[in-house]
Each structure stands twice: as structure tokens, then as C-alpha cells.
Amino acid sequence: MGIFSLTKKIKNKITNFFKKECHCRNKDQVHLNLDGLEIFLERCMAYDKPHEVTIVVPRAELRKKIEKGDELEEIEILLNSITVVSSPQRPSNEGNGEEAPLPEPPEIPRRSLNSKE
């Protein structure tokens, strides 16, 4: 066993010893890196309901022109409307095993077409 593998084992044991225990039933982890822009999303949910994570990058342009002779350097980074969404389903009444009933739609009063109100 080499010194590097021994060092790695010791490091892993120390890391696992100090690592917090996660009691997540559902966990999201997103790490997005776009040429220096770093976006992190980490969620820990205590229920098993389905959910989704969406990452939308509609426009990302990275341009570089670097010439050492006669010094030409152009760096252009365009990042537009980056969206990261974690949308879990609303939990039902946990514990009783029944789905929560949907709320009643709002009542919209009727108006007469001839009314001048």
C-alpha cells in the first residue's frame, strides 16, 4: 500500500466522521458552472412526494480571441436568463394516507352584457 492510498483512506475516514448525517428522503443537488459563474442548488426534503428540478439556460455564449503577437485579446461572455427551479409537489396530509382535497374554485359573479356598471 502506497503512501498516497494510505493518505486518501485516512482523509476519507476523517471526512466521514465529521460529515453530518442526512435524514433526507428526497434530495436535490445541482452544481452548474458556466465559465466562472457557479450556481448551486441543494435541497433536503423530509417527504417522499415526487418533484422535479429544471435548469434552463436559453443563451450562453462564450467567445475568446487571444493572440500574443501584436496583442489581440477579446473575451466576451453572454449569459442570459439562467433559471434553476426545484418544484416539489405540495405534500398531502401526511400521516393519514389520504390525498388532500383540491380547494374549491373561486366564485365569479355573473354580469349582464347590458349592464352599464
N, C-alpha and C. Protein backbone atom coordinates (compact mmCIF):
# COMPACT_ATOMS: atom_id res chain seq x y z
N MET A 1 0.86 -1.18 0.00
CA MET A 1 0.00 0.00 0.00
C MET A 1 0.91 1.23 0.00
N GLY A 2 0.66 2.12 -0.98
CA GLY A 2 1.48 3.31 -1.09
C GLY A 2 1.07 4.39 -0.11
N ILE A 3 1.92 5.39 0.00
CA ILE A 3 1.66 6.50 0.93
C ILE A 3 0.43 7.30 0.50
N PHE A 4 0.22 7.39 -0.84
CA PHE A 4 -0.92 8.18 -1.31
C PHE A 4 -2.24 7.49 -1.01
N SER A 5 -2.31 6.17 -1.18
CA SER A 5 -3.55 5.45 -0.88
C SER A 5 -3.83 5.46 0.61
N LEU A 6 -2.79 5.38 1.44
CA LEU A 6 -2.96 5.44 2.88
C LEU A 6 -3.47 6.82 3.29
N THR A 7 -2.89 7.87 2.70
CA THR A 7 -3.33 9.24 3.00
C THR A 7 -4.78 9.44 2.58
N LYS A 8 -5.14 8.89 1.43
CA LYS A 8 -6.52 9.02 0.93
C LYS A 8 -7.50 8.31 1.86
N LYS A 9 -7.14 7.12 2.35
CA LYS A 9 -8.01 6.39 3.27
C LYS A 9 -8.21 7.16 4.57
N ILE A 10 -7.13 7.72 5.10
CA ILE A 10 -7.22 8.50 6.34
C ILE A 10 -8.09 9.72 6.13
N LYS A 11 -7.91 10.40 5.01
CA LYS A 11 -8.72 11.59 4.70
C LYS A 11 -10.20 11.23 4.61
N ASN A 12 -10.52 10.13 3.93
CA ASN A 12 -11.91 9.69 3.80
C ASN A 12 -12.53 9.34 5.15
N LYS A 13 -11.78 8.69 6.01
CA LYS A 13 -12.30 8.35 7.34
C LYS A 13 -12.57 9.59 8.17
N ILE A 14 -11.67 10.57 8.10
CA ILE A 14 -11.87 11.82 8.85
C ILE A 14 -13.07 12.57 8.29
N THR A 15 -13.21 12.62 6.97
CA THR A 15 -14.34 13.31 6.33
C THR A 15 -15.65 12.65 6.72
N ASN A 16 -15.71 11.33 6.67
CA ASN A 16 -16.94 10.61 7.04
C ASN A 16 -17.28 10.76 8.52
N PHE A 17 -16.27 10.89 9.37
CA PHE A 17 -16.50 11.07 10.80
C PHE A 17 -17.18 12.40 11.08
N PHE A 18 -16.76 13.48 10.40
CA PHE A 18 -17.30 14.80 10.65
C PHE A 18 -18.51 15.13 9.77
N LYS A 19 -18.82 14.27 8.84
CA LYS A 19 -19.93 14.52 7.92
C LYS A 19 -21.25 14.43 8.69
N LYS A 20 -22.13 15.39 8.45
CA LYS A 20 -23.45 15.36 9.08
C LYS A 20 -24.28 14.27 8.42
N GLU A 21 -25.03 13.58 9.25
CA GLU A 21 -25.90 12.55 8.73
C GLU A 21 -27.11 13.20 8.08
N CYS A 22 -27.46 12.77 6.92
CA CYS A 22 -28.60 13.34 6.20
C CYS A 22 -29.81 12.42 6.36
N HIS A 23 -30.89 12.96 6.89
CA HIS A 23 -32.11 12.20 7.05
C HIS A 23 -33.10 12.58 5.96
N CYS A 24 -32.59 12.81 4.77
CA CYS A 24 -33.44 13.21 3.65
C CYS A 24 -34.07 11.98 3.03
N ARG A 25 -35.33 12.11 2.72
CA ARG A 25 -35.98 11.08 1.92
C ARG A 25 -35.86 11.44 0.45
N ASN A 26 -35.74 12.73 0.19
CA ASN A 26 -35.68 13.25 -1.17
C ASN A 26 -34.63 14.35 -1.20
N LYS A 27 -33.69 14.28 -2.11
CA LYS A 27 -32.61 15.26 -2.11
C LYS A 27 -32.30 15.71 -3.53
N ASP A 28 -32.11 17.01 -3.71
CA ASP A 28 -31.71 17.59 -4.99
C ASP A 28 -30.33 18.19 -4.83
N GLN A 29 -29.50 18.00 -5.84
CA GLN A 29 -28.19 18.63 -5.87
C GLN A 29 -27.90 19.04 -7.30
N VAL A 30 -27.67 20.33 -7.51
CA VAL A 30 -27.31 20.84 -8.83
C VAL A 30 -26.09 21.73 -8.65
N HIS A 31 -25.07 21.47 -9.44
CA HIS A 31 -23.88 22.31 -9.48
C HIS A 31 -23.66 22.65 -10.95
N LEU A 32 -23.88 23.91 -11.29
CA LEU A 32 -23.76 24.37 -12.68
C LEU A 32 -22.62 25.38 -12.76
N ASN A 33 -21.67 25.14 -13.66
CA ASN A 33 -20.54 26.04 -13.82
C ASN A 33 -20.47 26.45 -15.28
N LEU A 34 -20.65 27.74 -15.54
CA LEU A 34 -20.57 28.29 -16.89
C LEU A 34 -19.42 29.29 -16.95
N ASP A 35 -18.25 28.82 -17.22
CA ASP A 35 -17.06 29.64 -17.36
C ASP A 35 -16.89 30.64 -16.21
N GLY A 36 -16.95 30.15 -15.00
CA GLY A 36 -16.71 31.01 -13.85
C GLY A 36 -17.97 31.36 -13.07
N LEU A 37 -19.13 31.31 -13.69
CA LEU A 37 -20.39 31.54 -12.97
C LEU A 37 -20.81 30.21 -12.39
N GLU A 38 -20.86 30.13 -11.06
CA GLU A 38 -21.22 28.89 -10.40
C GLU A 38 -22.56 29.05 -9.71
N ILE A 39 -23.46 28.11 -9.97
CA ILE A 39 -24.79 28.11 -9.37
C ILE A 39 -24.94 26.79 -8.64
N PHE A 40 -25.32 26.87 -7.35
CA PHE A 40 -25.51 25.68 -6.53
C PHE A 40 -26.95 25.64 -6.05
N LEU A 41 -27.56 24.47 -6.11
CA LEU A 41 -28.88 24.25 -5.53
C LEU A 41 -28.80 22.93 -4.78
N GLU A 42 -29.06 22.99 -3.49
CA GLU A 42 -29.09 21.79 -2.67
C GLU A 42 -30.31 21.86 -1.78
N ARG A 43 -31.16 20.85 -1.89
CA ARG A 43 -32.37 20.80 -1.07
C ARG A 43 -32.48 19.43 -0.44
N CYS A 44 -32.94 19.41 0.79
CA CYS A 44 -33.17 18.17 1.52
C CYS A 44 -34.61 18.21 2.00
N MET A 45 -35.42 17.25 1.51
CA MET A 45 -36.84 17.23 1.87
C MET A 45 -37.15 15.97 2.67
N ALA A 46 -38.00 16.12 3.66
CA ALA A 46 -38.30 15.02 4.57
C ALA A 46 -39.50 14.20 4.12
N TYR A 47 -39.99 14.40 2.92
CA TYR A 47 -41.12 13.60 2.45
C TYR A 47 -40.78 12.99 1.10
N ASP A 48 -41.54 11.96 0.71
CA ASP A 48 -41.25 11.18 -0.49
C ASP A 48 -42.05 11.60 -1.71
N LYS A 49 -42.68 12.73 -1.69
CA LYS A 49 -43.50 13.15 -2.82
C LYS A 49 -42.62 13.43 -4.03
N PRO A 50 -43.13 13.15 -5.22
CA PRO A 50 -42.34 13.43 -6.42
C PRO A 50 -42.14 14.93 -6.63
N HIS A 51 -41.06 15.26 -7.28
CA HIS A 51 -40.76 16.66 -7.58
C HIS A 51 -39.85 16.69 -8.79
N GLU A 52 -39.59 17.88 -9.27
CA GLU A 52 -38.71 18.00 -10.43
C GLU A 52 -37.75 19.16 -10.25
N VAL A 53 -36.60 19.01 -10.87
CA VAL A 53 -35.60 20.07 -10.91
C VAL A 53 -35.43 20.44 -12.37
N THR A 54 -35.52 21.73 -12.65
CA THR A 54 -35.39 22.21 -14.02
C THR A 54 -34.27 23.23 -14.09
N ILE A 55 -33.42 23.08 -15.10
CA ILE A 55 -32.37 24.05 -15.36
C ILE A 55 -32.56 24.54 -16.78
N VAL A 56 -32.72 25.84 -16.93
CA VAL A 56 -32.92 26.42 -18.26
C VAL A 56 -31.81 27.43 -18.51
N VAL A 57 -31.04 27.19 -19.56
CA VAL A 57 -30.00 28.13 -19.99
C VAL A 57 -30.33 28.46 -21.45
N PRO A 58 -31.18 29.48 -21.67
CA PRO A 58 -31.60 29.76 -23.04
C PRO A 58 -30.50 30.31 -23.93
N ARG A 59 -29.55 31.00 -23.33
CA ARG A 59 -28.49 31.58 -24.14
C ARG A 59 -27.21 31.67 -23.32
N ALA A 60 -26.19 31.01 -23.80
CA ALA A 60 -24.88 31.10 -23.18
C ALA A 60 -23.85 31.12 -24.29
N GLU A 61 -23.20 32.26 -24.45
CA GLU A 61 -22.17 32.41 -25.48
C GLU A 61 -20.85 32.75 -24.82
N LEU A 62 -19.85 31.99 -25.14
CA LEU A 62 -18.51 32.20 -24.61
C LEU A 62 -17.56 32.35 -25.79
N ARG A 63 -16.99 33.52 -25.96
CA ARG A 63 -16.08 33.77 -27.08
C ARG A 63 -14.74 34.25 -26.54
N LYS A 64 -13.67 33.74 -27.12
CA LYS A 64 -12.33 34.17 -26.72
C LYS A 64 -11.46 34.26 -27.95
N LYS A 65 -10.74 35.36 -28.10
CA LYS A 65 -9.73 35.52 -29.14
C LYS A 65 -8.48 36.02 -28.44
N ILE A 66 -7.48 35.20 -28.41
CA ILE A 66 -6.24 35.58 -27.72
C ILE A 66 -5.08 35.35 -28.68
N GLU A 67 -4.37 36.40 -29.00
CA GLU A 67 -3.15 36.30 -29.80
C GLU A 67 -2.06 37.04 -29.05
N LYS A 68 -0.95 36.42 -28.87
CA LYS A 68 0.16 37.04 -28.15
C LYS A 68 0.94 38.00 -29.04
N GLY A 69 1.06 37.67 -30.32
CA GLY A 69 1.77 38.56 -31.24
C GLY A 69 0.88 39.76 -31.59
N ASP A 70 1.34 40.96 -31.43
CA ASP A 70 0.61 42.21 -31.65
C ASP A 70 -0.58 42.39 -30.70
N GLU A 71 -0.65 41.61 -29.66
CA GLU A 71 -1.60 41.72 -28.54
C GLU A 71 -3.05 41.94 -28.95
N LEU A 72 -3.73 40.90 -29.33
CA LEU A 72 -5.18 40.91 -29.57
C LEU A 72 -5.81 40.03 -28.50
N GLU A 73 -6.66 40.59 -27.68
CA GLU A 73 -7.34 39.82 -26.64
C GLU A 73 -8.79 40.28 -26.55
N GLU A 74 -9.71 39.44 -26.91
CA GLU A 74 -11.14 39.72 -26.79
C GLU A 74 -11.78 38.58 -26.02
N ILE A 75 -12.42 38.90 -24.95
CA ILE A 75 -13.14 37.90 -24.16
C ILE A 75 -14.56 38.42 -23.99
N GLU A 76 -15.52 37.64 -24.44
CA GLU A 76 -16.92 38.04 -24.35
C GLU A 76 -17.72 36.88 -23.77
N ILE A 77 -18.43 37.15 -22.70
CA ILE A 77 -19.26 36.13 -22.05
C ILE A 77 -20.68 36.68 -21.96
N LEU A 78 -21.62 36.01 -22.61
CA LEU A 78 -23.02 36.41 -22.58
C LEU A 78 -23.83 35.30 -21.92
N LEU A 79 -24.42 35.59 -20.79
CA LEU A 79 -25.28 34.65 -20.09
C LEU A 79 -26.62 35.35 -19.90
N ASN A 80 -27.68 34.74 -20.39
CA ASN A 80 -28.97 35.42 -20.40
C ASN A 80 -30.03 34.55 -19.74
N SER A 81 -30.66 35.06 -18.71
CA SER A 81 -31.85 34.48 -18.09
C SER A 81 -31.67 33.01 -17.69
N ILE A 82 -30.70 32.75 -16.86
CA ILE A 82 -30.47 31.39 -16.38
C ILE A 82 -31.45 31.12 -15.25
N THR A 83 -32.15 30.00 -15.33
CA THR A 83 -33.18 29.68 -14.35
C THR A 83 -32.92 28.28 -13.78
N VAL A 84 -32.90 28.18 -12.46
CA VAL A 84 -32.80 26.90 -11.77
C VAL A 84 -33.99 26.81 -10.84
N VAL A 85 -34.82 25.78 -11.03
CA VAL A 85 -36.06 25.65 -10.26
C VAL A 85 -36.15 24.26 -9.66
N SER A 86 -36.46 24.20 -8.39
CA SER A 86 -36.80 22.93 -7.74
C SER A 86 -38.24 23.08 -7.29
N SER A 87 -39.13 22.29 -7.87
CA SER A 87 -40.53 22.45 -7.51
C SER A 87 -41.11 21.13 -7.03
N PRO A 88 -41.11 20.95 -5.71
CA PRO A 88 -41.70 19.73 -5.16
C PRO A 88 -43.22 19.82 -5.19
N GLN A 89 -43.84 18.66 -5.28
CA GLN A 89 -45.28 18.61 -5.20
C GLN A 89 -45.69 18.95 -3.78
N ARG A 90 -46.78 19.66 -3.64
CA ARG A 90 -47.28 20.04 -2.32
C ARG A 90 -47.60 18.78 -1.52
N PRO A 91 -47.09 18.67 -0.30
CA PRO A 91 -47.35 17.45 0.47
C PRO A 91 -48.82 17.36 0.86
N SER A 92 -49.35 16.15 0.85
CA SER A 92 -50.73 15.94 1.29
C SER A 92 -50.75 15.92 2.80
N ASN A 93 -51.89 15.59 3.35
CA ASN A 93 -52.00 15.46 4.81
C ASN A 93 -51.21 14.22 5.20
N GLU A 94 -49.97 14.42 5.58
CA GLU A 94 -49.12 13.29 5.90
C GLU A 94 -49.62 12.61 7.17
N GLY A 95 -49.48 11.32 7.18
CA GLY A 95 -49.85 10.58 8.38
C GLY A 95 -51.15 9.82 8.23
N ASN A 96 -52.13 10.42 7.54
CA ASN A 96 -53.41 9.71 7.42
C ASN A 96 -53.52 8.95 6.11
N GLY A 97 -52.57 9.08 5.20
CA GLY A 97 -52.55 8.31 3.97
C GLY A 97 -53.54 8.77 2.92
N GLU A 98 -54.24 9.85 3.16
CA GLU A 98 -55.20 10.36 2.19
C GLU A 98 -54.64 11.58 1.49
N GLU A 99 -55.02 11.74 0.24
CA GLU A 99 -54.64 12.92 -0.51
C GLU A 99 -55.49 14.10 -0.04
N ALA A 100 -54.91 15.26 0.00
CA ALA A 100 -55.67 16.45 0.39
C ALA A 100 -56.63 16.82 -0.73
N PRO A 101 -57.86 17.19 -0.40
CA PRO A 101 -58.81 17.57 -1.44
C PRO A 101 -58.39 18.89 -2.08
N LEU A 102 -58.71 19.03 -3.35
CA LEU A 102 -58.40 20.28 -4.03
C LEU A 102 -59.31 21.39 -3.53
N PRO A 103 -58.81 22.61 -3.43
CA PRO A 103 -59.66 23.70 -2.97
C PRO A 103 -60.73 24.00 -4.02
N GLU A 104 -61.85 24.51 -3.55
CA GLU A 104 -62.94 24.89 -4.44
C GLU A 104 -62.51 26.09 -5.27
N PRO A 105 -62.91 26.16 -6.54
CA PRO A 105 -62.57 27.33 -7.35
C PRO A 105 -63.32 28.55 -6.84
N PRO A 106 -62.78 29.74 -7.05
CA PRO A 106 -63.47 30.95 -6.56
C PRO A 106 -64.77 31.18 -7.33
N GLU A 107 -65.72 31.77 -6.65
CA GLU A 107 -67.00 32.07 -7.29
C GLU A 107 -66.89 33.41 -8.01
N ILE A 108 -67.22 33.41 -9.29
CA ILE A 108 -67.15 34.62 -10.10
C ILE A 108 -68.57 35.10 -10.34
N PRO A 109 -68.90 36.31 -9.87
CA PRO A 109 -70.27 36.79 -10.06
C PRO A 109 -70.59 37.01 -11.53
N ARG A 110 -71.81 36.72 -11.89
CA ARG A 110 -72.24 36.89 -13.28
C ARG A 110 -72.58 38.36 -13.51
N ARG A 111 -72.27 38.81 -14.69
CA ARG A 111 -72.61 40.19 -15.08
C ARG A 111 -73.43 40.13 -16.35
N SER A 112 -74.35 41.01 -16.41
CA SER A 112 -75.20 41.08 -17.62
C SER A 112 -74.45 41.86 -18.67
N LEU A 113 -74.59 41.45 -19.94
CA LEU A 113 -73.95 42.19 -21.03
C LEU A 113 -74.54 43.56 -21.23
N ASN A 114 -75.80 43.74 -20.81
CA ASN A 114 -76.49 45.01 -20.96
C ASN A 114 -76.21 45.95 -19.79
N SER A 115 -75.54 45.48 -18.79
CA SER A 115 -75.28 46.29 -17.60
C SER A 115 -74.25 47.37 -17.92
N LYS A 116 -74.46 48.55 -17.38
CA LYS A 116 -73.54 49.67 -17.63
C LYS A 116 -72.68 49.94 -16.41
N GLU A 117 -72.52 48.99 -15.55
CA GLU A 117 -71.71 49.14 -14.35
C GLU A 117 -70.26 49.02 -14.66
